C-alpha atoms as a PDB file:
ATOM      1  CA  MET A   1      96.280  85.967  94.506  1.00  0.00           C
ATOM      2  CA  GLY A   2      94.292  89.143  94.508  1.00  0.00           C
ATOM      3  CA  GLY A   3      93.461  90.275  97.835  1.00  0.00           C
ATOM      4  CA  ARG A   4      95.010  87.777  99.756  1.00  0.00           C
ATOM      5  CA  GLY A   5      98.430  89.288  98.436  1.00  0.00           C
ATOM      6  CA  GLN A   6     101.006  87.142  97.098  1.00  0.00           C
ATOM      7  CA  ILE A   7     104.314  85.134  97.659  1.00  0.00           C
ATOM      8  CA  PHE A   8     107.678  84.610  96.170  1.00  0.00           C
ATOM      9  CA  TYR A   9     109.623  82.230  96.719  1.00  0.00           C
ATOM     10  CA  ASN A  10     114.141  83.378  96.408  1.00  0.00           C
ATOM     11  CA  GLY A  11     114.953  80.036  96.747  1.00  0.00           C
ATOM     12  CA  SER A  12     115.549  79.735 100.164  1.00  0.00           C
ATOM     13  CA  GLU A  13     112.902  81.166 101.877  1.00  0.00           C
ATOM     14  CA  PHE A  14     108.906  82.295 101.051  1.00  0.00           C
ATOM     15  CA  ILE A  15     108.259  85.574 101.428  1.00  0.00           C
ATOM     16  CA  LYS A  16     104.500  87.085 101.814  1.00  0.00           C
ATOM     17  CA  GLY A  17     103.865  90.438 100.289  1.00  0.00           C
ATOM     18  CA  LYS A  18     101.217  93.067 101.534  1.00  0.00           C
ATOM     19  CA  VAL A  19      98.194  93.890 100.215  1.00  0.00           C
ATOM     20  CA  TYR A  20      96.277  97.343  99.556  1.00  0.00           C
ATOM     21  CA  PHE A  21      92.770  97.345  99.704  1.00  0.00           C
ATOM     22  CA  VAL A  22      91.315 100.163  97.360  1.00  0.00           C
ATOM     23  CA  LYS A  23      87.740 100.941  95.709  1.00  0.00           C
ATOM     24  CA  PRO A  24      88.252  99.623  92.164  1.00  0.00           C
ATOM     25  CA  VAL A  25      87.311 101.280  88.891  1.00  0.00           C
ATOM     26  CA  ASP A  26      89.036  98.510  86.817  1.00  0.00           C
ATOM     27  CA  THR A  27      90.969  95.935  88.165  1.00  0.00           C
ATOM     28  CA  MET A  28      91.938  94.929  84.154  1.00  0.00           C
ATOM     29  CA  GLY A  29      95.634  94.915  83.748  1.00  0.00           C
ATOM     30  CA  ALA A  30      96.279  94.303  87.982  1.00  0.00           C
ATOM     31  CA  GLY A  31      98.506  91.524  87.597  1.00  0.00           C
ATOM     32  CA  ASP A  32     100.062  92.744  84.532  1.00  0.00           C
ATOM     33  CA  SER A  33     100.983  95.754  86.401  1.00  0.00           C
ATOM     34  CA  TYR A  34     102.094  93.991  89.300  1.00  0.00           C
ATOM     35  CA  LEU A  35     104.375  91.865  87.679  1.00  0.00           C
ATOM     36  CA  ALA A  36     105.822  94.899  86.041  1.00  0.00           C
ATOM     37  CA  ALA A  37     106.836  96.805  88.550  1.00  0.00           C
ATOM     38  CA  LEU A  38     107.970  93.770  90.666  1.00  0.00           C
ATOM     39  CA  ILE A  39     110.250  93.104  88.310  1.00  0.00           C
ATOM     40  CA  VAL A  40     111.410  96.726  87.394  1.00  0.00           C
ATOM     41  CA  SER A  41     111.560  97.546  91.412  1.00  0.00           C
ATOM     42  CA  LEU A  42     114.311  94.617  92.144  1.00  0.00           C
ATOM     43  CA  LEU A  43     116.091  95.674  89.081  1.00  0.00           C
ATOM     44  CA  LYS A  44     116.523  98.821  90.750  1.00  0.00           C
ATOM     45  CA  LYS A  45     117.563  97.299  93.948  1.00  0.00           C
ATOM     46  CA  GLY A  46     120.198  95.071  92.283  1.00  0.00           C
ATOM     47  CA  TRP A  47     118.796  91.869  90.785  1.00  0.00           C
ATOM     48  CA  LYS A  48     120.631  90.590  88.343  1.00  0.00           C
ATOM     49  CA  LYS A  49     120.848  86.799  87.223  1.00  0.00           C
ATOM     50  CA  GLY A  50     122.817  84.596  89.920  1.00  0.00           C
ATOM     51  CA  ILE A  51     122.340  86.598  92.649  1.00  0.00           C
ATOM     52  CA  VAL A  52     119.621  86.007  95.926  1.00  0.00           C
ATOM     53  CA  LEU A  53     118.057  88.988  96.789  1.00  0.00           C
ATOM     54  CA  GLN A  54     117.768  89.440 100.809  1.00  0.00           C
ATOM     55  CA  ALA A  55     113.964  89.243 101.711  1.00  0.00           C
ATOM     56  CA  ASP A  56     113.782  92.864 103.033  1.00  0.00           C
ATOM     57  CA  VAL A  57     114.835  93.731  99.484  1.00  0.00           C
ATOM     58  CA  ILE A  58     111.937  91.631  98.199  1.00  0.00           C
ATOM     59  CA  GLU A  59     110.073  92.836 100.652  1.00  0.00           C
ATOM     60  CA  ALA A  60     110.291  96.470  99.266  1.00  0.00           C
ATOM     61  CA  ALA A  61     109.920  95.543  95.743  1.00  0.00           C
ATOM     62  CA  MET A  62     106.559  93.817  96.366  1.00  0.00           C
ATOM     63  CA  ASP A  63     105.592  96.720  98.502  1.00  0.00           C
ATOM     64  CA  ASP A  64     106.115  98.952  95.454  1.00  0.00           C
ATOM     65  CA  ALA A  65     104.324  96.694  93.044  1.00  0.00           C
ATOM     66  CA  ALA A  66     101.834  96.275  95.568  1.00  0.00           C
ATOM     67  CA  HIS A  67     100.541 100.162  95.367  1.00  0.00           C
ATOM     68  CA  TYR A  68     101.424 100.614  91.472  1.00  0.00           C
ATOM     69  CA  SER A  69      98.869  97.880  90.806  1.00  0.00           C
ATOM     70  CA  SER A  70      96.570  99.172  93.049  1.00  0.00           C
ATOM     71  CA  ASP A  71      96.957 102.677  92.031  1.00  0.00           C
ATOM     72  CA  ASN A  72      96.134 100.990  88.240  1.00  0.00           C
ATOM     73  CA  CYS A  73      92.939  99.767  89.952  1.00  0.00           C
ATOM     74  CA  LEU A  74      92.008 103.415  90.147  1.00  0.00           C
ATOM     75  CA  ARG A  75      91.731 104.384  86.201  1.00  0.00           C
ATOM     76  CA  GLU A  76      89.371 103.144  83.720  1.00  0.00           C
ATOM     77  CA  GLY A  77      90.371 100.374  81.321  1.00  0.00           C
ATOM     78  CA  GLY A  78      94.341  99.337  81.766  1.00  0.00           C
ATOM     79  CA  PHE A  79      95.693 101.653  79.932  1.00  0.00           C
ATOM     80  CA  GLY A  80      94.114 104.999  81.639  1.00  0.00           C
ATOM     81  CA  PHE A  81      91.339 105.695  79.266  1.00  0.00           C
ATOM     82  CA  LYS A  82      87.892 103.251  78.334  1.00  0.00           C
ATOM     83  CA  ASN A  83      87.295 101.870  75.500  1.00  0.00           C
ATOM     84  CA  GLN A  84      83.896 103.097  73.702  1.00  0.00           C
ATOM     85  CA  ILE A  85      81.884 100.452  72.559  1.00  0.00           C
ATOM     86  CA  GLU A  86      78.777 101.494  69.983  1.00  0.00           C
ATOM     87  CA  GLU A  87      75.706  99.659  69.836  1.00  0.00           C
END
């Protein structure tokens, strides 16, 4: 949802994530980096199939992901380098 934050549903409640505004250099890969960081953080916090995580655990993972994604927007190109296009 970009600048409006994120929403996560854990099966019983909706959890809203925070937004960290930065002056972006390039937003390519922001959503992908958010999702990857969210999944990694959830797994580190004990997420497994069939386990419903509590809201505070999900909020912490969403916060980790929002920070990672906002940092990604401060780099040129989604992979940390810009692609030169010959004219």
